[in-house]
Every structure is written in structure tokens, then in C-alpha cells.
Amino acid sequence: MFFNSDNIKAICKRVAFFVCHSFCLTLHIMKTLTINIPEETDEKEVKMAVAAILFDKGVLSSGHAAEFANVSKREFIENVGKYGVSIFGETAEDLKAEFGK
């Protein structure tokens, strides 16, 4: 094959396309956990509590935690504080130490 500037440009475009799409692809491999809860237990509350814990530990992003809890990202962020989790990553003790109560 004779290489001229047009051939090289075409090859570079294909390589750039391949590299970008190869490295931009993100795979999320998740495990499945099944738990049995009493019938009277609010499933949404359990999902939010677990999502809050996983978010707090850095296992899930706020978006993935919201998806796990089956709520919008906005709803998750607005309510995660009810479970003792800060969206800013600081605990109450951290803030007290920094600002002196």
C-alpha cells in the first residue's frame, strides 16, 4: 500500500476513533445480593439506607446510589443526610473539629 497524506490521515482517524472508544468505555461489574425483609418493612427505606452506606464508603457515586435506591439523583442528595451521610464527605465530628462547634 502506498502511503500518502490522505491515507495517513484516514488511518490516524481510525486509530483515534478506536483508542477513544476503547478507553472511554466503562464497565460496571456488580454483584447481586438478595435479602429477605419483613413484609411490613418499607423497601424504599431499606434501599435508601443501603445506598447511603455504600455512597458514604465511596463504593457508589451519588448517581449510582440513586439508581440503586430507585430515586432521582436529586432526591438521593436531598435525603441522604437523613441517614447520617454528608454529601460533602465530612462527618459531624470533622466539622466540629474544624470550626470549634
N, C-alpha and C. Protein backbone atom coordinates (compact mmCIF):
# COMPACT_ATOMS: atom_id res chain seq x y z
N MET A 1 0.84 -1.18 0.00
CA MET A 1 0.00 0.00 0.00
C MET A 1 0.89 1.24 0.00
N PHE A 2 0.55 2.16 -0.83
CA PHE A 2 1.29 3.42 -0.92
C PHE A 2 0.72 4.40 0.10
N PHE A 3 1.58 4.95 0.96
CA PHE A 3 1.14 5.88 2.00
C PHE A 3 1.35 7.31 1.54
N ASN A 4 0.26 8.03 1.46
CA ASN A 4 0.33 9.46 1.20
C ASN A 4 -0.37 10.17 2.36
N SER A 5 -0.45 11.47 2.30
CA SER A 5 -1.02 12.22 3.42
C SER A 5 -2.49 11.88 3.66
N ASP A 6 -3.24 11.59 2.59
CA ASP A 6 -4.66 11.24 2.76
C ASP A 6 -4.81 9.88 3.45
N ASN A 7 -3.99 8.90 3.05
CA ASN A 7 -4.03 7.58 3.68
C ASN A 7 -3.65 7.67 5.16
N ILE A 8 -2.62 8.43 5.44
CA ILE A 8 -2.15 8.56 6.82
C ILE A 8 -3.22 9.24 7.67
N LYS A 9 -3.87 10.28 7.15
CA LYS A 9 -4.95 10.96 7.89
C LYS A 9 -6.10 9.99 8.17
N ALA A 10 -6.45 9.20 7.18
CA ALA A 10 -7.54 8.24 7.35
C ALA A 10 -7.18 7.20 8.41
N ILE A 11 -5.96 6.72 8.37
CA ILE A 11 -5.51 5.74 9.37
C ILE A 11 -5.50 6.36 10.76
N CYS A 12 -5.01 7.58 10.87
CA CYS A 12 -4.98 8.27 12.16
C CYS A 12 -6.38 8.47 12.72
N LYS A 13 -7.33 8.81 11.86
CA LYS A 13 -8.71 8.98 12.32
C LYS A 13 -9.25 7.67 12.86
N ARG A 14 -8.98 6.57 12.15
CA ARG A 14 -9.46 5.25 12.61
C ARG A 14 -8.80 4.87 13.94
N VAL A 15 -7.51 5.12 14.05
CA VAL A 15 -6.80 4.80 15.29
C VAL A 15 -7.33 5.67 16.43
N ALA A 16 -7.49 6.96 16.18
CA ALA A 16 -8.01 7.85 17.22
C ALA A 16 -9.42 7.43 17.64
N PHE A 17 -10.25 7.05 16.68
CA PHE A 17 -11.61 6.59 16.99
C PHE A 17 -11.54 5.34 17.86
N PHE A 18 -10.68 4.39 17.46
CA PHE A 18 -10.55 3.14 18.20
C PHE A 18 -10.04 3.40 19.61
N VAL A 19 -8.99 4.21 19.74
CA VAL A 19 -8.41 4.48 21.06
C VAL A 19 -9.42 5.17 21.95
N CYS A 20 -10.09 6.18 21.44
CA CYS A 20 -11.07 6.90 22.25
C CYS A 20 -12.18 5.97 22.70
N HIS A 21 -12.71 5.21 21.79
CA HIS A 21 -13.83 4.34 22.15
C HIS A 21 -13.39 3.16 23.00
N SER A 22 -12.16 2.75 22.87
CA SER A 22 -11.68 1.65 23.70
C SER A 22 -11.46 2.10 25.13
N PHE A 23 -10.92 3.30 25.31
CA PHE A 23 -10.61 3.77 26.64
C PHE A 23 -11.75 4.53 27.30
N CYS A 24 -12.74 4.95 26.54
CA CYS A 24 -13.87 5.67 27.11
C CYS A 24 -14.96 4.72 27.60
N LEU A 25 -14.87 3.49 27.24
CA LEU A 25 -15.87 2.51 27.63
C LEU A 25 -15.66 2.13 29.09
N THR A 26 -16.70 2.24 29.88
CA THR A 26 -16.63 1.90 31.30
C THR A 26 -17.53 0.71 31.56
N LEU A 27 -16.99 -0.31 32.17
CA LEU A 27 -17.78 -1.48 32.52
C LEU A 27 -18.05 -1.46 34.01
N HIS A 28 -19.29 -1.66 34.38
CA HIS A 28 -19.66 -1.74 35.79
C HIS A 28 -20.04 -3.18 36.08
N ILE A 29 -19.19 -3.85 36.82
CA ILE A 29 -19.46 -5.23 37.16
C ILE A 29 -19.96 -5.22 38.60
N MET A 30 -21.18 -5.64 38.77
CA MET A 30 -21.80 -5.60 40.08
C MET A 30 -22.16 -7.01 40.54
N LYS A 31 -22.23 -7.17 41.83
CA LYS A 31 -22.68 -8.42 42.42
C LYS A 31 -24.15 -8.28 42.74
N THR A 32 -24.83 -9.39 42.86
CA THR A 32 -26.24 -9.39 43.23
C THR A 32 -26.37 -9.88 44.66
N LEU A 33 -27.14 -9.15 45.44
CA LEU A 33 -27.40 -9.51 46.83
C LEU A 33 -28.90 -9.57 47.02
N THR A 34 -29.37 -10.65 47.57
CA THR A 34 -30.79 -10.81 47.85
C THR A 34 -30.97 -10.87 49.35
N ILE A 35 -31.86 -10.02 49.87
CA ILE A 35 -32.13 -10.05 51.30
C ILE A 35 -33.63 -10.23 51.52
N ASN A 36 -33.96 -10.89 52.59
CA ASN A 36 -35.36 -11.06 52.96
C ASN A 36 -35.66 -10.09 54.10
N ILE A 37 -36.68 -9.28 53.89
CA ILE A 37 -37.09 -8.32 54.92
C ILE A 37 -38.54 -8.59 55.29
N PRO A 38 -38.93 -8.25 56.50
CA PRO A 38 -40.32 -8.46 56.89
C PRO A 38 -41.27 -7.70 55.96
N GLU A 39 -42.43 -8.24 55.77
CA GLU A 39 -43.43 -7.67 54.85
C GLU A 39 -43.75 -6.20 55.18
N GLU A 40 -43.79 -5.87 56.46
CA GLU A 40 -44.16 -4.51 56.86
C GLU A 40 -43.02 -3.50 56.70
N THR A 41 -41.82 -3.96 56.37
CA THR A 41 -40.67 -3.08 56.20
C THR A 41 -40.79 -2.33 54.88
N ASP A 42 -40.51 -1.03 54.93
CA ASP A 42 -40.56 -0.18 53.74
C ASP A 42 -39.32 -0.45 52.88
N GLU A 43 -39.54 -1.06 51.72
CA GLU A 43 -38.44 -1.43 50.83
C GLU A 43 -37.64 -0.21 50.39
N LYS A 44 -38.31 0.90 50.14
CA LYS A 44 -37.62 2.12 49.70
C LYS A 44 -36.67 2.61 50.79
N GLU A 45 -37.09 2.54 52.04
CA GLU A 45 -36.23 2.96 53.16
C GLU A 45 -34.99 2.08 53.25
N VAL A 46 -35.17 0.79 53.09
CA VAL A 46 -34.03 -0.13 53.15
C VAL A 46 -33.06 0.17 52.02
N LYS A 47 -33.59 0.37 50.81
CA LYS A 47 -32.72 0.67 49.67
C LYS A 47 -31.98 1.98 49.88
N MET A 48 -32.66 2.99 50.41
CA MET A 48 -32.00 4.28 50.66
C MET A 48 -30.92 4.14 51.72
N ALA A 49 -31.19 3.38 52.77
CA ALA A 49 -30.21 3.19 53.84
C ALA A 49 -28.96 2.48 53.31
N VAL A 50 -29.15 1.44 52.53
CA VAL A 50 -28.01 0.71 51.96
C VAL A 50 -27.27 1.60 50.97
N ALA A 51 -28.00 2.31 50.14
CA ALA A 51 -27.37 3.21 49.16
C ALA A 51 -26.57 4.29 49.87
N ALA A 52 -27.10 4.82 50.97
CA ALA A 52 -26.40 5.86 51.73
C ALA A 52 -25.09 5.32 52.30
N ILE A 53 -25.13 4.11 52.83
CA ILE A 53 -23.92 3.50 53.39
C ILE A 53 -22.88 3.28 52.29
N LEU A 54 -23.31 2.74 51.16
CA LEU A 54 -22.36 2.48 50.06
C LEU A 54 -21.81 3.78 49.48
N PHE A 55 -22.63 4.82 49.44
CA PHE A 55 -22.17 6.15 48.99
C PHE A 55 -21.16 6.70 49.98
N ASP A 56 -21.47 6.60 51.27
CA ASP A 56 -20.59 7.12 52.31
C ASP A 56 -19.23 6.43 52.29
N LYS A 57 -19.20 5.15 51.99
CA LYS A 57 -17.95 4.39 51.94
C LYS A 57 -17.20 4.59 50.62
N GLY A 58 -17.83 5.29 49.66
CA GLY A 58 -17.19 5.53 48.38
C GLY A 58 -17.33 4.38 47.40
N VAL A 59 -18.18 3.41 47.73
CA VAL A 59 -18.39 2.28 46.84
C VAL A 59 -19.23 2.70 45.64
N LEU A 60 -20.23 3.55 45.88
CA LEU A 60 -21.11 4.04 44.82
C LEU A 60 -21.04 5.55 44.74
N SER A 61 -21.13 6.09 43.54
CA SER A 61 -21.26 7.53 43.36
C SER A 61 -22.69 7.92 43.75
N SER A 62 -22.95 9.20 43.85
CA SER A 62 -24.32 9.63 44.18
C SER A 62 -25.30 9.19 43.10
N GLY A 63 -24.88 9.22 41.85
CA GLY A 63 -25.75 8.79 40.76
C GLY A 63 -26.05 7.31 40.81
N HIS A 64 -25.02 6.50 41.09
CA HIS A 64 -25.23 5.06 41.18
C HIS A 64 -26.03 4.69 42.43
N ALA A 65 -25.79 5.41 43.51
CA ALA A 65 -26.56 5.16 44.74
C ALA A 65 -28.03 5.50 44.51
N ALA A 66 -28.29 6.58 43.81
CA ALA A 66 -29.67 6.96 43.49
C ALA A 66 -30.33 5.90 42.63
N GLU A 67 -29.59 5.42 41.66
CA GLU A 67 -30.10 4.37 40.78
C GLU A 67 -30.41 3.10 41.60
N PHE A 68 -29.51 2.76 42.50
CA PHE A 68 -29.70 1.60 43.37
C PHE A 68 -30.98 1.75 44.21
N ALA A 69 -31.20 2.96 44.74
CA ALA A 69 -32.36 3.23 45.60
C ALA A 69 -33.63 3.48 44.79
N ASN A 70 -33.48 3.53 43.48
CA ASN A 70 -34.61 3.77 42.57
C ASN A 70 -35.25 5.14 42.80
N VAL A 71 -34.39 6.15 42.98
CA VAL A 71 -34.83 7.53 43.13
C VAL A 71 -33.98 8.39 42.20
N SER A 72 -34.40 9.62 42.01
CA SER A 72 -33.59 10.53 41.19
C SER A 72 -32.34 10.92 41.97
N LYS A 73 -31.33 11.36 41.26
CA LYS A 73 -30.10 11.81 41.92
C LYS A 73 -30.39 12.97 42.86
N ARG A 74 -31.26 13.85 42.43
CA ARG A 74 -31.62 15.00 43.27
C ARG A 74 -32.28 14.52 44.57
N GLU A 75 -33.22 13.58 44.46
CA GLU A 75 -33.89 13.08 45.65
C GLU A 75 -32.89 12.39 46.58
N PHE A 76 -31.96 11.65 46.01
CA PHE A 76 -30.96 10.98 46.83
C PHE A 76 -30.13 12.01 47.59
N ILE A 77 -29.63 13.02 46.89
CA ILE A 77 -28.79 14.04 47.52
C ILE A 77 -29.56 14.80 48.59
N GLU A 78 -30.83 15.09 48.32
CA GLU A 78 -31.64 15.82 49.30
C GLU A 78 -31.94 15.01 50.55
N ASN A 79 -31.96 13.68 50.44
CA ASN A 79 -32.38 12.85 51.56
C ASN A 79 -31.27 12.04 52.23
N VAL A 80 -30.10 11.98 51.65
CA VAL A 80 -29.03 11.14 52.20
C VAL A 80 -28.61 11.60 53.59
N GLY A 81 -28.77 12.86 53.89
CA GLY A 81 -28.44 13.38 55.22
C GLY A 81 -29.28 12.76 56.33
N LYS A 82 -30.47 12.31 56.01
CA LYS A 82 -31.34 11.66 57.00
C LYS A 82 -30.73 10.36 57.51
N TYR A 83 -29.77 9.85 56.77
CA TYR A 83 -29.11 8.59 57.13
C TYR A 83 -27.72 8.84 57.72
N GLY A 84 -27.46 10.09 58.09
CA GLY A 84 -26.20 10.44 58.73
C GLY A 84 -25.03 10.55 57.77
N VAL A 85 -25.31 10.76 56.49
CA VAL A 85 -24.25 10.83 55.48
C VAL A 85 -24.21 12.23 54.90
N SER A 86 -23.02 12.80 54.86
CA SER A 86 -22.83 14.11 54.25
C SER A 86 -22.49 13.96 52.78
N ILE A 87 -23.09 14.79 51.95
CA ILE A 87 -22.73 14.76 50.53
C ILE A 87 -21.37 15.41 50.29
N PHE A 88 -20.86 16.08 51.31
CA PHE A 88 -19.58 16.76 51.19
C PHE A 88 -18.42 15.91 51.69
N GLY A 89 -18.71 14.77 52.31
CA GLY A 89 -17.67 13.87 52.76
C GLY A 89 -17.17 14.11 54.16
N GLU A 90 -17.65 15.15 54.83
CA GLU A 90 -17.22 15.41 56.20
C GLU A 90 -18.25 14.87 57.18
N THR A 91 -17.75 14.37 58.29
CA THR A 91 -18.64 13.94 59.35
C THR A 91 -18.92 15.11 60.28
N ALA A 92 -19.89 14.95 61.15
CA ALA A 92 -20.19 16.00 62.13
C ALA A 92 -18.96 16.27 63.00
N GLU A 93 -18.22 15.22 63.33
CA GLU A 93 -17.01 15.38 64.15
C GLU A 93 -15.94 16.19 63.41
N ASP A 94 -15.82 15.94 62.09
CA ASP A 94 -14.86 16.70 61.29
C ASP A 94 -15.18 18.19 61.32
N LEU A 95 -16.46 18.51 61.16
CA LEU A 95 -16.87 19.91 61.14
C LEU A 95 -16.70 20.56 62.51
N LYS A 96 -17.02 19.83 63.58
CA LYS A 96 -16.83 20.37 64.93
C LYS A 96 -15.36 20.65 65.20
N ALA A 97 -14.50 19.74 64.78
CA ALA A 97 -13.06 19.93 64.98
C ALA A 97 -12.54 21.12 64.19
N GLU A 98 -13.05 21.29 62.99
CA GLU A 98 -12.58 22.38 62.13
C GLU A 98 -13.10 23.74 62.58
N PHE A 99 -14.38 23.79 62.98
CA PHE A 99 -14.98 25.08 63.30
C PHE A 99 -15.20 25.30 64.80
N GLY A 100 -14.78 24.37 65.62
CA GLY A 100 -14.87 24.55 67.06
C GLY A 100 -16.28 24.60 67.59
N LYS A 101 -17.12 23.76 67.08
CA LYS A 101 -18.53 23.62 67.46
C LYS A 101 -19.33 24.65 66.83
